[in-house]
Amino acid sequence: MNLAKGKKLIPYIITEIPKDNLVNQKLLALGIYEGATISIKQFLPVKGPIIIIAGTGEVAISYEIAQHIHVKK
């Protein structure tokens, strides 16, 4: 399942992130990496950014990138 199809406030484990080096490096810097546990805090309207809780912080990522992050419960 991709992150964009997830539900709010449910913990997910990341199984795959985008392979693009630039995107991958930015996600790693935000604490988003394979094996990390995250949860969705809020969806913004009209396929806008998704606010997620990663580690001890909150991060907004684009809907397009969220579609390429694969997670499991």
N, C-alpha and C. Protein backbone atom coordinates (compact mmCIF):
# COMPACT_ATOMS: atom_id res chain seq x y z
N MET A 1 0.85 -1.17 0.00
CA MET A 1 0.00 0.00 0.00
C MET A 1 0.90 1.23 0.00
N ASN A 2 0.49 2.26 -0.72
CA ASN A 2 1.29 3.48 -0.67
C ASN A 2 0.75 4.42 0.41
N LEU A 3 1.60 5.31 0.87
CA LEU A 3 1.28 6.18 1.99
C LEU A 3 0.09 7.09 1.70
N ALA A 4 -0.08 7.50 0.46
CA ALA A 4 -1.18 8.39 0.10
C ALA A 4 -2.55 7.74 0.33
N LYS A 5 -2.59 6.42 0.39
CA LYS A 5 -3.85 5.71 0.62
C LYS A 5 -4.05 5.33 2.09
N GLY A 6 -3.14 5.75 2.95
CA GLY A 6 -3.21 5.40 4.36
C GLY A 6 -4.30 6.15 5.10
N LYS A 7 -4.49 5.77 6.34
CA LYS A 7 -5.47 6.40 7.23
C LYS A 7 -4.73 7.19 8.31
N LYS A 8 -5.41 8.18 8.85
CA LYS A 8 -4.81 9.04 9.86
C LYS A 8 -4.57 8.30 11.17
N LEU A 9 -3.47 8.67 11.83
CA LEU A 9 -3.10 8.23 13.18
C LEU A 9 -2.92 6.73 13.36
N ILE A 10 -2.62 6.01 12.27
CA ILE A 10 -2.29 4.59 12.34
C ILE A 10 -0.80 4.45 12.08
N PRO A 11 -0.07 3.76 12.96
CA PRO A 11 1.38 3.60 12.71
C PRO A 11 1.64 2.67 11.52
N TYR A 12 2.51 3.10 10.65
CA TYR A 12 2.92 2.32 9.48
C TYR A 12 4.43 2.15 9.49
N ILE A 13 4.88 1.04 8.95
CA ILE A 13 6.31 0.81 8.77
C ILE A 13 6.62 1.00 7.29
N ILE A 14 7.63 1.79 6.99
CA ILE A 14 8.00 2.05 5.60
C ILE A 14 8.72 0.84 5.04
N THR A 15 8.24 0.34 3.90
CA THR A 15 8.86 -0.83 3.27
C THR A 15 9.68 -0.43 2.05
N GLU A 16 9.36 0.72 1.45
CA GLU A 16 10.10 1.17 0.26
C GLU A 16 9.93 2.66 0.09
N ILE A 17 11.02 3.35 -0.27
CA ILE A 17 10.96 4.77 -0.58
C ILE A 17 11.45 4.97 -2.01
N PRO A 18 11.17 6.15 -2.61
CA PRO A 18 11.58 6.38 -4.00
C PRO A 18 13.07 6.17 -4.21
N LYS A 19 13.42 5.63 -5.36
CA LYS A 19 14.82 5.31 -5.67
C LYS A 19 15.60 6.50 -6.20
N ASP A 20 14.92 7.57 -6.58
CA ASP A 20 15.58 8.78 -7.06
C ASP A 20 16.53 9.30 -5.98
N ASN A 21 17.81 9.46 -6.31
CA ASN A 21 18.82 9.83 -5.31
C ASN A 21 18.51 11.12 -4.57
N LEU A 22 18.09 12.16 -5.28
CA LEU A 22 17.82 13.44 -4.64
C LEU A 22 16.64 13.32 -3.67
N VAL A 23 15.56 12.70 -4.11
CA VAL A 23 14.39 12.51 -3.25
C VAL A 23 14.76 11.62 -2.07
N ASN A 24 15.50 10.56 -2.33
CA ASN A 24 15.91 9.62 -1.29
C ASN A 24 16.73 10.33 -0.22
N GLN A 25 17.67 11.15 -0.61
CA GLN A 25 18.51 11.87 0.35
C GLN A 25 17.70 12.84 1.19
N LYS A 26 16.74 13.53 0.56
CA LYS A 26 15.91 14.48 1.30
C LYS A 26 15.02 13.75 2.31
N LEU A 27 14.46 12.61 1.91
CA LEU A 27 13.62 11.84 2.82
C LEU A 27 14.45 11.32 4.00
N LEU A 28 15.65 10.84 3.72
CA LEU A 28 16.53 10.36 4.79
C LEU A 28 16.84 11.48 5.79
N ALA A 29 17.07 12.68 5.29
CA ALA A 29 17.36 13.82 6.17
C ALA A 29 16.16 14.17 7.05
N LEU A 30 14.95 13.83 6.60
CA LEU A 30 13.74 14.11 7.38
C LEU A 30 13.37 12.96 8.31
N GLY A 31 14.16 11.90 8.31
CA GLY A 31 13.87 10.76 9.17
C GLY A 31 12.92 9.76 8.55
N ILE A 32 12.79 9.82 7.22
CA ILE A 32 11.90 8.91 6.49
C ILE A 32 12.78 7.94 5.73
N TYR A 33 12.83 6.69 6.19
CA TYR A 33 13.69 5.68 5.58
C TYR A 33 13.03 4.32 5.74
N GLU A 34 13.49 3.35 4.96
CA GLU A 34 12.92 2.00 5.04
C GLU A 34 13.10 1.43 6.44
N GLY A 35 12.02 0.92 7.00
CA GLY A 35 12.04 0.37 8.34
C GLY A 35 11.57 1.34 9.42
N ALA A 36 11.48 2.62 9.09
CA ALA A 36 11.03 3.61 10.07
C ALA A 36 9.52 3.50 10.28
N THR A 37 9.08 3.87 11.47
CA THR A 37 7.65 3.90 11.78
C THR A 37 7.17 5.34 11.68
N ILE A 38 6.10 5.53 10.93
CA ILE A 38 5.51 6.87 10.75
C ILE A 38 4.00 6.75 10.90
N SER A 39 3.34 7.89 11.04
CA SER A 39 1.88 7.93 11.01
C SER A 39 1.44 9.22 10.34
N ILE A 40 0.27 9.20 9.76
CA ILE A 40 -0.27 10.36 9.07
C ILE A 40 -1.03 11.21 10.06
N LYS A 41 -0.69 12.48 10.13
CA LYS A 41 -1.39 13.40 11.03
C LYS A 41 -2.55 14.07 10.31
N GLN A 42 -2.30 14.51 9.07
CA GLN A 42 -3.33 15.27 8.37
C GLN A 42 -3.13 15.21 6.87
N PHE A 43 -4.24 15.12 6.15
CA PHE A 43 -4.25 15.25 4.69
C PHE A 43 -4.72 16.66 4.37
N LEU A 44 -4.02 17.36 3.52
CA LEU A 44 -4.49 18.67 3.08
C LEU A 44 -5.32 18.48 1.81
N PRO A 45 -6.29 19.35 1.58
CA PRO A 45 -7.25 19.14 0.49
C PRO A 45 -6.65 19.11 -0.92
N VAL A 46 -7.39 18.50 -1.81
CA VAL A 46 -7.11 18.46 -3.26
C VAL A 46 -5.70 17.95 -3.55
N LYS A 47 -5.40 16.77 -3.03
CA LYS A 47 -4.10 16.13 -3.24
C LYS A 47 -2.93 17.04 -2.87
N GLY A 48 -3.12 17.80 -1.80
CA GLY A 48 -2.07 18.66 -1.29
C GLY A 48 -1.11 17.86 -0.44
N PRO A 49 -0.20 18.53 0.23
CA PRO A 49 0.78 17.84 1.06
C PRO A 49 0.13 16.99 2.16
N ILE A 50 0.84 15.98 2.60
CA ILE A 50 0.41 15.11 3.68
C ILE A 50 1.36 15.36 4.85
N ILE A 51 0.80 15.66 6.00
CA ILE A 51 1.62 15.90 7.18
C ILE A 51 1.75 14.58 7.93
N ILE A 52 3.00 14.16 8.13
CA ILE A 52 3.24 12.89 8.81
C ILE A 52 4.08 13.12 10.06
N ILE A 53 3.98 12.19 10.98
CA ILE A 53 4.79 12.20 12.19
C ILE A 53 5.89 11.15 11.98
N ALA A 54 7.12 11.62 11.95
CA ALA A 54 8.28 10.74 11.75
C ALA A 54 9.25 10.99 12.89
N GLY A 55 9.48 9.98 13.69
CA GLY A 55 10.35 10.15 14.85
C GLY A 55 9.67 11.08 15.85
N THR A 56 10.35 12.16 16.21
CA THR A 56 9.79 13.11 17.17
C THR A 56 9.26 14.37 16.52
N GLY A 57 9.28 14.42 15.18
CA GLY A 57 8.85 15.63 14.50
C GLY A 57 7.74 15.39 13.50
N GLU A 58 7.22 16.50 12.99
CA GLU A 58 6.20 16.46 11.95
C GLU A 58 6.79 16.99 10.66
N VAL A 59 6.44 16.34 9.56
CA VAL A 59 6.99 16.69 8.26
C VAL A 59 5.86 16.72 7.24
N ALA A 60 5.89 17.68 6.32
CA ALA A 60 4.93 17.70 5.22
C ALA A 60 5.64 17.20 3.97
N ILE A 61 5.02 16.23 3.30
CA ILE A 61 5.56 15.74 2.03
C ILE A 61 4.48 15.84 0.97
N SER A 62 4.89 15.96 -0.27
CA SER A 62 3.92 16.12 -1.35
C SER A 62 3.14 14.83 -1.57
N TYR A 63 1.96 14.98 -2.09
CA TYR A 63 1.10 13.84 -2.39
C TYR A 63 1.78 12.92 -3.39
N GLU A 64 2.48 13.50 -4.37
CA GLU A 64 3.16 12.71 -5.40
C GLU A 64 4.25 11.83 -4.80
N ILE A 65 5.02 12.35 -3.87
CA ILE A 65 6.06 11.55 -3.22
C ILE A 65 5.42 10.51 -2.32
N ALA A 66 4.35 10.87 -1.63
CA ALA A 66 3.67 9.92 -0.74
C ALA A 66 3.16 8.71 -1.53
N GLN A 67 2.80 8.91 -2.79
CA GLN A 67 2.34 7.80 -3.62
C GLN A 67 3.46 6.79 -3.88
N HIS A 68 4.71 7.20 -3.76
CA HIS A 68 5.85 6.32 -4.03
C HIS A 68 6.49 5.76 -2.77
N ILE A 69 5.92 6.10 -1.60
CA ILE A 69 6.40 5.54 -0.34
C ILE A 69 5.47 4.38 0.02
N HIS A 70 6.01 3.18 0.06
CA HIS A 70 5.21 1.99 0.35
C HIS A 70 5.32 1.67 1.83
N VAL A 71 4.16 1.36 2.44
CA VAL A 71 4.11 1.10 3.88
C VAL A 71 3.28 -0.16 4.16
N LYS A 72 3.42 -0.66 5.39
CA LYS A 72 2.57 -1.74 5.88
C LYS A 72 2.23 -1.44 7.32
N LYS A 73 1.13 -2.04 7.81
CA LYS A 73 0.71 -1.81 9.20
C LYS A 73 1.57 -2.60 10.14
